[in-house]
PDB file of all heavy atoms in Angstrom:
ATOM      1  N   LEU A   1      16.462   5.922  -3.878  1.00  0.00           N
ATOM      2  CA  LEU A   1      15.170   5.322  -3.685  1.00  0.00           C
ATOM      3  C   LEU A   1      15.177   3.821  -3.872  1.00  0.00           C
ATOM      4  O   LEU A   1      15.822   3.288  -4.802  1.00  0.00           O
ATOM      5  CB  LEU A   1      14.125   5.942  -4.620  1.00  0.00           C
ATOM      6  CG  LEU A   1      13.654   7.360  -4.260  1.00  0.00           C
ATOM      7  CD1 LEU A   1      12.890   7.950  -5.437  1.00  0.00           C
ATOM      8  CD2 LEU A   1      12.745   7.304  -3.013  1.00  0.00           C
ATOM      9  N   LYS A   2      14.513   3.091  -2.987  1.00  0.00           N
ATOM     10  CA  LYS A   2      14.353   1.635  -3.058  1.00  0.00           C
ATOM     11  C   LYS A   2      12.861   1.298  -3.083  1.00  0.00           C
ATOM     12  O   LYS A   2      12.051   2.091  -2.604  1.00  0.00           O
ATOM     13  CB  LYS A   2      15.067   0.936  -1.877  1.00  0.00           C
ATOM     14  CG  LYS A   2      16.567   1.279  -1.767  1.00  0.00           C
ATOM     15  CD  LYS A   2      17.180   0.565  -0.600  1.00  0.00           C
ATOM     16  CE  LYS A   2      18.641   0.836  -0.457  1.00  0.00           C
ATOM     17  NZ  LYS A   2      19.237   0.139   0.711  1.00  0.00           N
ATOM     18  N   THR A   3      12.560   0.148  -3.581  1.00  0.00           N
ATOM     19  CA  THR A   3      11.151  -0.318  -3.531  1.00  0.00           C
ATOM     20  C   THR A   3      11.046  -1.528  -2.569  1.00  0.00           C
ATOM     21  O   THR A   3      11.863  -2.435  -2.631  1.00  0.00           O
ATOM     22  CB  THR A   3      10.646  -0.711  -4.958  1.00  0.00           C
ATOM     23  OG1 THR A   3       9.310  -1.219  -4.852  1.00  0.00           O
ATOM     24  CG2 THR A   3      11.544  -1.748  -5.592  1.00  0.00           C
ATOM     25  N   PRO A   4      10.012  -1.518  -1.761  1.00  0.00           N
ATOM     26  CA  PRO A   4       9.871  -2.670  -0.811  1.00  0.00           C
ATOM     27  C   PRO A   4       9.250  -3.885  -1.466  1.00  0.00           C
ATOM     28  O   PRO A   4       9.237  -4.949  -0.846  1.00  0.00           O
ATOM     29  CB  PRO A   4       8.939  -2.082   0.288  1.00  0.00           C
ATOM     30  CG  PRO A   4       8.090  -1.056  -0.474  1.00  0.00           C
ATOM     31  CD  PRO A   4       9.072  -0.457  -1.485  1.00  0.00           C
ATOM     32  N   GLY A   5       8.708  -3.718  -2.669  1.00  0.00           N
ATOM     33  CA  GLY A   5       8.078  -4.877  -3.365  1.00  0.00           C
ATOM     34  C   GLY A   5       6.839  -4.534  -4.110  1.00  0.00           C
ATOM     35  O   GLY A   5       6.353  -3.348  -4.063  1.00  0.00           O
ATOM     36  N   ASP A   6       6.308  -5.467  -4.838  1.00  0.00           N
ATOM     37  CA  ASP A   6       5.163  -5.236  -5.668  1.00  0.00           C
ATOM     38  C   ASP A   6       3.835  -5.133  -4.896  1.00  0.00           C
ATOM     39  O   ASP A   6       2.807  -4.778  -5.477  1.00  0.00           O
ATOM     40  CB  ASP A   6       5.022  -6.365  -6.715  1.00  0.00           C
ATOM     41  CG  ASP A   6       6.118  -6.319  -7.736  1.00  0.00           C
ATOM     42  OD1 ASP A   6       6.747  -5.227  -7.926  1.00  0.00           O
ATOM     43  OD2 ASP A   6       6.369  -7.362  -8.367  1.00  0.00           O
ATOM     44  N   PHE A   7       3.854  -5.424  -3.618  1.00  0.00           N
ATOM     45  CA  PHE A   7       2.621  -5.441  -2.860  1.00  0.00           C
ATOM     46  C   PHE A   7       1.982  -4.058  -2.747  1.00  0.00           C
ATOM     47  O   PHE A   7       0.762  -3.924  -2.474  1.00  0.00           O
ATOM     48  CB  PHE A   7       2.877  -5.933  -1.423  1.00  0.00           C
ATOM     49  CG  PHE A   7       3.676  -5.013  -0.560  1.00  0.00           C
ATOM     50  CD1 PHE A   7       3.057  -4.136   0.313  1.00  0.00           C
ATOM     51  CD2 PHE A   7       5.066  -5.004  -0.592  1.00  0.00           C
ATOM     52  CE1 PHE A   7       3.831  -3.305   1.146  1.00  0.00           C
ATOM     53  CE2 PHE A   7       5.841  -4.212   0.196  1.00  0.00           C
ATOM     54  CZ  PHE A   7       5.193  -3.332   1.086  1.00  0.00           C
ATOM     55  N   LEU A   8       2.723  -2.978  -3.057  1.00  0.00           N
ATOM     56  CA  LEU A   8       2.172  -1.609  -3.027  1.00  0.00           C
ATOM     57  C   LEU A   8       1.655  -1.145  -4.348  1.00  0.00           C
ATOM     58  O   LEU A   8       1.266   0.016  -4.489  1.00  0.00           O
ATOM     59  CB  LEU A   8       3.210  -0.639  -2.503  1.00  0.00           C
ATOM     60  CG  LEU A   8       3.560  -0.689  -1.034  1.00  0.00           C
ATOM     61  CD1 LEU A   8       4.691   0.326  -0.726  1.00  0.00           C
ATOM     62  CD2 LEU A   8       2.342  -0.347  -0.169  1.00  0.00           C
ATOM     63  N   LYS A   9       1.614  -2.021  -5.407  1.00  0.00           N
ATOM     64  CA  LYS A   9       1.264  -1.515  -6.723  1.00  0.00           C
ATOM     65  C   LYS A   9      -0.124  -0.925  -6.838  1.00  0.00           C
ATOM     66  O   LYS A   9      -0.383  -0.078  -7.680  1.00  0.00           O
ATOM     67  CB  LYS A   9       1.460  -2.643  -7.748  1.00  0.00           C
ATOM     68  CG  LYS A   9       0.527  -3.817  -7.542  1.00  0.00           C
ATOM     69  CD  LYS A   9       0.851  -4.939  -8.577  1.00  0.00           C
ATOM     70  CE  LYS A   9      -0.063  -6.136  -8.383  1.00  0.00           C
ATOM     71  NZ  LYS A   9       0.247  -7.234  -9.347  1.00  0.00           N
ATOM     72  N   GLU A  10      -1.020  -1.367  -5.983  1.00  0.00           N
ATOM     73  CA  GLU A  10      -2.364  -0.820  -6.010  1.00  0.00           C
ATOM     74  C   GLU A  10      -2.631   0.166  -4.897  1.00  0.00           C
ATOM     75  O   GLU A  10      -3.776   0.650  -4.687  1.00  0.00           O
ATOM     76  CB  GLU A  10      -3.414  -1.972  -5.926  1.00  0.00           C
ATOM     77  CG  GLU A  10      -3.379  -2.912  -7.150  1.00  0.00           C
ATOM     78  CD  GLU A  10      -4.208  -4.109  -6.972  1.00  0.00           C
ATOM     79  OE1 GLU A  10      -4.249  -4.708  -5.850  1.00  0.00           O
ATOM     80  OE2 GLU A  10      -4.876  -4.508  -7.949  1.00  0.00           O
ATOM     81  N   ASN A  11      -1.603   0.569  -4.219  1.00  0.00           N
ATOM     82  CA  ASN A  11      -1.693   1.547  -3.134  1.00  0.00           C
ATOM     83  C   ASN A  11      -1.937   2.943  -3.695  1.00  0.00           C
ATOM     84  O   ASN A  11      -1.407   3.384  -4.717  1.00  0.00           O
ATOM     85  CB  ASN A  11      -0.430   1.546  -2.270  1.00  0.00           C
ATOM     86  CG  ASN A  11      -0.315   2.724  -1.327  1.00  0.00           C
ATOM     87  OD1 ASN A  11       0.639   3.483  -1.404  1.00  0.00           O
ATOM     88  ND2 ASN A  11      -1.328   2.918  -0.469  1.00  0.00           N
ATOM     89  N   ALA A  12      -2.763   3.728  -2.961  1.00  0.00           N
ATOM     90  CA  ALA A  12      -2.911   5.130  -3.251  1.00  0.00           C
ATOM     91  C   ALA A  12      -3.480   5.799  -1.973  1.00  0.00           C
ATOM     92  O   ALA A  12      -4.047   5.152  -1.158  1.00  0.00           O
ATOM     93  CB  ALA A  12      -3.920   5.357  -4.399  1.00  0.00           C
ATOM     94  N   HIS A  13      -3.220   7.092  -1.888  1.00  0.00           N
ATOM     95  CA  HIS A  13      -3.771   7.886  -0.793  1.00  0.00           C
ATOM     96  C   HIS A  13      -3.233   7.501   0.570  1.00  0.00           C
ATOM     97  O   HIS A  13      -3.971   7.276   1.531  1.00  0.00           O
ATOM     98  CB  HIS A  13      -5.268   7.869  -0.776  1.00  0.00           C
ATOM     99  CG  HIS A  13      -5.877   8.347  -2.106  1.00  0.00           C
ATOM    100  ND1 HIS A  13      -5.604   9.608  -2.600  1.00  0.00           N
ATOM    101  CD2 HIS A  13      -6.634   7.728  -3.008  1.00  0.00           C
ATOM    102  CE1 HIS A  13      -6.258   9.734  -3.779  1.00  0.00           C
ATOM    103  NE2 HIS A  13      -6.882   8.594  -4.030  1.00  0.00           N
ATOM    104  N   GLY A  14      -1.903   7.414   0.665  1.00  0.00           N
ATOM    105  CA  GLY A  14      -1.250   7.285   1.974  1.00  0.00           C
ATOM    106  C   GLY A  14      -0.866   5.897   2.370  1.00  0.00           C
ATOM    107  O   GLY A  14      -1.432   4.923   1.900  1.00  0.00           O
ATOM    108  N   LEU A  15       0.046   5.810   3.330  1.00  0.00           N
ATOM    109  CA  LEU A  15       0.404   4.589   3.969  1.00  0.00           C
ATOM    110  C   LEU A  15       1.047   4.930   5.307  1.00  0.00           C
ATOM    111  O   LEU A  15       1.399   6.071   5.605  1.00  0.00           O
ATOM    112  CB  LEU A  15       1.411   3.784   3.116  1.00  0.00           C
ATOM    113  CG  LEU A  15       2.729   4.374   2.676  1.00  0.00           C
ATOM    114  CD1 LEU A  15       3.763   4.301   3.780  1.00  0.00           C
ATOM    115  CD2 LEU A  15       3.228   3.584   1.458  1.00  0.00           C
ATOM    116  N   SER A  16       1.191   3.913   6.191  1.00  0.00           N
ATOM    117  CA  SER A  16       1.803   4.065   7.468  1.00  0.00           C
ATOM    118  C   SER A  16       2.510   2.781   7.827  1.00  0.00           C
ATOM    119  O   SER A  16       1.996   1.668   7.483  1.00  0.00           O
ATOM    120  CB  SER A  16       0.732   4.367   8.529  1.00  0.00           C
ATOM    121  OG  SER A  16       1.281   4.607   9.805  1.00  0.00           O
ATOM    122  N   VAL A  17       3.648   2.830   8.487  1.00  0.00           N
ATOM    123  CA  VAL A  17       4.418   1.642   8.791  1.00  0.00           C
ATOM    124  C   VAL A  17       4.632   1.557  10.304  1.00  0.00           C
ATOM    125  O   VAL A  17       5.033   2.488  10.959  1.00  0.00           O
ATOM    126  CB  VAL A  17       5.791   1.754   8.070  1.00  0.00           C
ATOM    127  CG1 VAL A  17       6.584   0.447   8.295  1.00  0.00           C
ATOM    128  CG2 VAL A  17       5.645   2.018   6.580  1.00  0.00           C
ATOM    129  N   SER A  18       4.334   0.388  10.832  1.00  0.00           N
ATOM    130  CA  SER A  18       4.484   0.148  12.276  1.00  0.00           C
ATOM    131  C   SER A  18       5.922  -0.018  12.686  1.00  0.00           C
ATOM    132  O   SER A  18       6.814  -0.115  11.826  1.00  0.00           O
ATOM    133  CB  SER A  18       3.647  -1.072  12.704  1.00  0.00           C
ATOM    134  OG  SER A  18       4.229  -2.230  12.201  1.00  0.00           O
ATOM    135  N   LEU A  19       6.141  -0.200  13.970  1.00  0.00           N
ATOM    136  CA  LEU A  19       7.505  -0.342  14.490  1.00  0.00           C
ATOM    137  C   LEU A  19       8.175  -1.536  13.942  1.00  0.00           C
ATOM    138  O   LEU A  19       9.383  -1.591  13.735  1.00  0.00           O
ATOM    139  CB  LEU A  19       7.464  -0.360  15.999  1.00  0.00           C
ATOM    140  CG  LEU A  19       8.768  -0.156  16.795  1.00  0.00           C
ATOM    141  CD1 LEU A  19       9.377   1.200  16.469  1.00  0.00           C
ATOM    142  CD2 LEU A  19       8.541  -0.279  18.273  1.00  0.00           C
ATOM    143  N   ASN A  20       7.420  -2.658  13.750  1.00  0.00           N
ATOM    144  CA  ASN A  20       8.026  -3.878  13.242  1.00  0.00           C
ATOM    145  C   ASN A  20       8.079  -3.975  11.722  1.00  0.00           C
ATOM    146  O   ASN A  20       8.414  -5.010  11.175  1.00  0.00           O
ATOM    147  CB  ASN A  20       7.319  -5.102  13.840  1.00  0.00           C
ATOM    148  CG  ASN A  20       5.911  -5.242  13.346  1.00  0.00           C
ATOM    149  OD1 ASN A  20       5.469  -4.512  12.457  1.00  0.00           O
ATOM    150  ND2 ASN A  20       5.167  -6.168  13.946  1.00  0.00           N
ATOM    151  N   GLY A  21       7.695  -2.852  11.046  1.00  0.00           N
ATOM    152  CA  GLY A  21       7.847  -2.823   9.616  1.00  0.00           C
ATOM    153  C   GLY A  21       6.610  -3.229   8.807  1.00  0.00           C
ATOM    154  O   GLY A  21       6.698  -3.326   7.593  1.00  0.00           O
ATOM    155  N   THR A  22       5.505  -3.458   9.469  1.00  0.00           N
ATOM    156  CA  THR A  22       4.272  -3.813   8.766  1.00  0.00           C
ATOM    157  C   THR A  22       3.629  -2.567   8.122  1.00  0.00           C
ATOM    158  O   THR A  22       3.462  -1.521   8.790  1.00  0.00           O
ATOM    159  CB  THR A  22       3.243  -4.453   9.693  1.00  0.00           C
ATOM    160  OG1 THR A  22       3.832  -5.647  10.221  1.00  0.00           O
ATOM    161  CG2 THR A  22       1.965  -4.811   8.958  1.00  0.00           C
ATOM    162  N   TYR A  23       3.364  -2.631   6.827  1.00  0.00           N
ATOM    163  CA  TYR A  23       2.725  -1.548   6.104  1.00  0.00           C
ATOM    164  C   TYR A  23       1.201  -1.663   6.250  1.00  0.00           C
ATOM    165  O   TYR A  23       0.614  -2.698   6.056  1.00  0.00           O
ATOM    166  CB  TYR A  23       3.073  -1.618   4.627  1.00  0.00           C
ATOM    167  CG  TYR A  23       4.389  -1.069   4.202  1.00  0.00           C
ATOM    168  CD1 TYR A  23       5.565  -1.756   4.478  1.00  0.00           C
ATOM    169  CD2 TYR A  23       4.492   0.107   3.488  1.00  0.00           C
ATOM    170  CE1 TYR A  23       6.818  -1.249   4.071  1.00  0.00           C
ATOM    171  CE2 TYR A  23       5.732   0.626   3.060  1.00  0.00           C
ATOM    172  CZ  TYR A  23       6.877  -0.077   3.387  1.00  0.00           C
ATOM    173  OH  TYR A  23       8.095   0.390   2.964  1.00  0.00           O
ATOM    174  N   TYR A  24       0.555  -0.531   6.519  1.00  0.00           N
ATOM    175  CA  TYR A  24      -0.901  -0.355   6.417  1.00  0.00           C
ATOM    176  C   TYR A  24      -1.170   0.676   5.324  1.00  0.00           C
ATOM    177  O   TYR A  24      -0.587   1.742   5.350  1.00  0.00           O
ATOM    178  CB  TYR A  24      -1.484   0.078   7.797  1.00  0.00           C
ATOM    179  CG  TYR A  24      -1.566  -1.035   8.789  1.00  0.00           C
ATOM    180  CD1 TYR A  24      -0.407  -1.462   9.453  1.00  0.00           C
ATOM    181  CD2 TYR A  24      -2.761  -1.642   9.135  1.00  0.00           C
ATOM    182  CE1 TYR A  24      -0.461  -2.493  10.400  1.00  0.00           C
ATOM    183  CE2 TYR A  24      -2.849  -2.656  10.050  1.00  0.00           C
ATOM    184  CZ  TYR A  24      -1.672  -3.106  10.703  1.00  0.00           C
ATOM    185  OH  TYR A  24      -1.773  -4.122  11.595  1.00  0.00           O
ATOM    186  N   PHE A  25      -2.145   0.384   4.461  1.00  0.00           N
ATOM    187  CA  PHE A  25      -2.367   1.278   3.365  1.00  0.00           C
ATOM    188  C   PHE A  25      -3.716   0.937   2.673  1.00  0.00           C
ATOM    189  O   PHE A  25      -4.258  -0.141   2.791  1.00  0.00           O
ATOM    190  CB  PHE A  25      -1.236   1.138   2.306  1.00  0.00           C
ATOM    191  CG  PHE A  25      -1.012  -0.320   1.857  1.00  0.00           C
ATOM    192  CD1 PHE A  25      -1.576  -0.821   0.692  1.00  0.00           C
ATOM    193  CD2 PHE A  25      -0.174  -1.175   2.592  1.00  0.00           C
ATOM    194  CE1 PHE A  25      -1.393  -2.121   0.312  1.00  0.00           C
ATOM    195  CE2 PHE A  25       0.041  -2.494   2.208  1.00  0.00           C
ATOM    196  CZ  PHE A  25      -0.544  -2.945   1.026  1.00  0.00           C
ATOM    197  N   PRO A  26      -4.260   1.942   1.978  1.00  0.00           N
ATOM    198  CA  PRO A  26      -5.445   1.682   1.183  1.00  0.00           C
ATOM    199  C   PRO A  26      -5.028   1.127  -0.139  1.00  0.00           C
ATOM    200  O   PRO A  26      -4.018   1.565  -0.748  1.00  0.00           O
ATOM    201  CB  PRO A  26      -6.044   3.128   0.984  1.00  0.00           C
ATOM    202  CG  PRO A  26      -5.151   4.078   1.641  1.00  0.00           C
ATOM    203  CD  PRO A  26      -3.900   3.374   2.016  1.00  0.00           C
ATOM    204  N   PHE A  27      -5.723   0.149  -0.668  1.00  0.00           N
ATOM    205  CA  PHE A  27      -5.488  -0.352  -1.991  1.00  0.00           C
ATOM    206  C   PHE A  27      -6.776  -0.380  -2.832  1.00  0.00           C
ATOM    207  O   PHE A  27      -7.850  -0.550  -2.242  1.00  0.00           O
ATOM    208  CB  PHE A  27      -4.754  -1.702  -2.015  1.00  0.00           C
ATOM    209  CG  PHE A  27      -5.386  -2.790  -1.193  1.00  0.00           C
ATOM    210  CD1 PHE A  27      -6.268  -3.686  -1.804  1.00  0.00           C
ATOM    211  CD2 PHE A  27      -5.113  -2.926   0.136  1.00  0.00           C
ATOM    212  CE1 PHE A  27      -6.828  -4.728  -1.076  1.00  0.00           C
ATOM    213  CE2 PHE A  27      -5.691  -3.960   0.902  1.00  0.00           C
ATOM    214  CZ  PHE A  27      -6.573  -4.857   0.281  1.00  0.00           C
ATOM    215  N   PHE A  28      -6.604  -0.212  -4.069  1.00  0.00           N
ATOM    216  CA  PHE A  28      -7.751   0.012  -4.958  1.00  0.00           C
ATOM    217  C   PHE A  28      -7.821  -1.048  -6.036  1.00  0.00           C
ATOM    218  O   PHE A  28      -6.871  -1.254  -6.761  1.00  0.00           O
ATOM    219  CB  PHE A  28      -7.675   1.436  -5.598  1.00  0.00           C
ATOM    220  CG  PHE A  28      -7.869   2.503  -4.588  1.00  0.00           C
ATOM    221  CD1 PHE A  28      -6.844   2.852  -3.684  1.00  0.00           C
ATOM    222  CD2 PHE A  28      -9.053   3.217  -4.462  1.00  0.00           C
ATOM    223  CE1 PHE A  28      -6.984   3.847  -2.743  1.00  0.00           C
ATOM    224  CE2 PHE A  28      -9.242   4.186  -3.536  1.00  0.00           C
ATOM    225  CZ  PHE A  28      -8.194   4.515  -2.649  1.00  0.00           C
ATOM    226  N   LYS A  29      -8.953  -1.714  -6.136  1.00  0.00           N
ATOM    227  CA  LYS A  29      -9.178  -2.753  -7.108  1.00  0.00           C
ATOM    228  C   LYS A  29     -10.435  -2.333  -7.911  1.00  0.00           C
ATOM    229  O   LYS A  29     -11.297  -1.568  -7.453  1.00  0.00           O
ATOM    230  CB  LYS A  29      -9.364  -4.102  -6.482  1.00  0.00           C
ATOM    231  CG  LYS A  29      -8.149  -4.610  -5.768  1.00  0.00           C
ATOM    232  CD  LYS A  29      -8.398  -5.975  -5.165  1.00  0.00           C
ATOM    233  CE  LYS A  29      -7.174  -6.525  -4.397  1.00  0.00           C
ATOM    234  NZ  LYS A  29      -6.045  -6.798  -5.368  1.00  0.00           N
ATOM    235  N   LYS A  30     -10.576  -2.872  -9.086  1.00  0.00           N
ATOM    236  CA  LYS A  30     -11.689  -2.523  -9.976  1.00  0.00           C
ATOM    237  C   LYS A  30     -13.038  -2.778  -9.300  1.00  0.00           C
ATOM    238  O   LYS A  30     -13.984  -2.016  -9.408  1.00  0.00           O
ATOM    239  CB  LYS A  30     -11.617  -3.284 -11.305  1.00  0.00           C
ATOM    240  CG  LYS A  30     -10.466  -2.812 -12.211  1.00  0.00           C
ATOM    241  CD  LYS A  30     -10.450  -3.597 -13.518  1.00  0.00           C
ATOM    242  CE  LYS A  30      -9.339  -3.116 -14.437  1.00  0.00           C
ATOM    243  NZ  LYS A  30      -9.274  -3.904 -15.723  1.00  0.00           N
ATOM    244  N   GLU A  31     -13.109  -3.902  -8.539  1.00  0.00           N
ATOM    245  CA  GLU A  31     -14.343  -4.286  -7.934  1.00  0.00           C
ATOM    246  C   GLU A  31     -14.718  -3.336  -6.790  1.00  0.00           C
ATOM    247  O   GLU A  31     -15.870  -3.385  -6.314  1.00  0.00           O
ATOM    248  CB  GLU A  31     -14.272  -5.703  -7.408  1.00  0.00           C
ATOM    249  CG  GLU A  31     -13.218  -5.986  -6.387  1.00  0.00           C
ATOM    250  CD  GLU A  31     -11.942  -6.533  -7.020  1.00  0.00           C
ATOM    251  OE1 GLU A  31     -11.688  -6.199  -8.212  1.00  0.00           O
ATOM    252  OE2 GLU A  31     -11.210  -7.284  -6.367  1.00  0.00           O
ATOM    253  N   ASP A  32     -13.796  -2.463  -6.394  1.00  0.00           N
ATOM    254  CA  ASP A  32     -14.107  -1.536  -5.276  1.00  0.00           C
ATOM    255  C   ASP A  32     -14.717  -0.257  -5.808  1.00  0.00           C
ATOM    256  O   ASP A  32     -15.046   0.659  -4.999  1.00  0.00           O
ATOM    257  CB  ASP A  32     -12.813  -1.209  -4.505  1.00  0.00           C
ATOM    258  CG  ASP A  32     -12.235  -2.356  -3.823  1.00  0.00           C
ATOM    259  OD1 ASP A  32     -13.023  -3.260  -3.365  1.00  0.00           O
ATOM    260  OD2 ASP A  32     -10.972  -2.473  -3.693  1.00  0.00           O
ATOM    261  N   ASN A  33     -14.818  -0.114  -7.111  1.00  0.00           N
ATOM    262  CA  ASN A  33     -15.439   1.040  -7.740  1.00  0.00           C
ATOM    263  C   ASN A  33     -14.683   2.362  -7.286  1.00  0.00           C
ATOM    264  O   ASN A  33     -15.309   3.428  -7.147  1.00  0.00           O
ATOM    265  CB  ASN A  33     -16.912   1.176  -7.383  1.00  0.00           C
ATOM    266  CG  ASN A  33     -17.721   0.022  -7.993  1.00  0.00           C
ATOM    267  OD1 ASN A  33     -17.498  -0.346  -9.138  1.00  0.00           O
ATOM    268  ND2 ASN A  33     -18.633  -0.518  -7.195  1.00  0.00           N
ATOM    269  N   GLY A  34     -13.418   2.214  -7.056  1.00  0.00           N
ATOM    270  CA  GLY A  34     -12.631   3.433  -6.762  1.00  0.00           C
ATOM    271  C   GLY A  34     -12.608   3.852  -5.320  1.00  0.00           C
ATOM    272  O   GLY A  34     -12.010   4.862  -4.964  1.00  0.00           O
TER     273      GLY A  34
END
């Protein structure tokens, strides 16, 4: 297992990666109320 970086630290509930390697994902912050 490898990690792509810290940018996913707030990710939860799925992700998807495009052909050129761009990650799309939900991220959760306190101000979003979950």
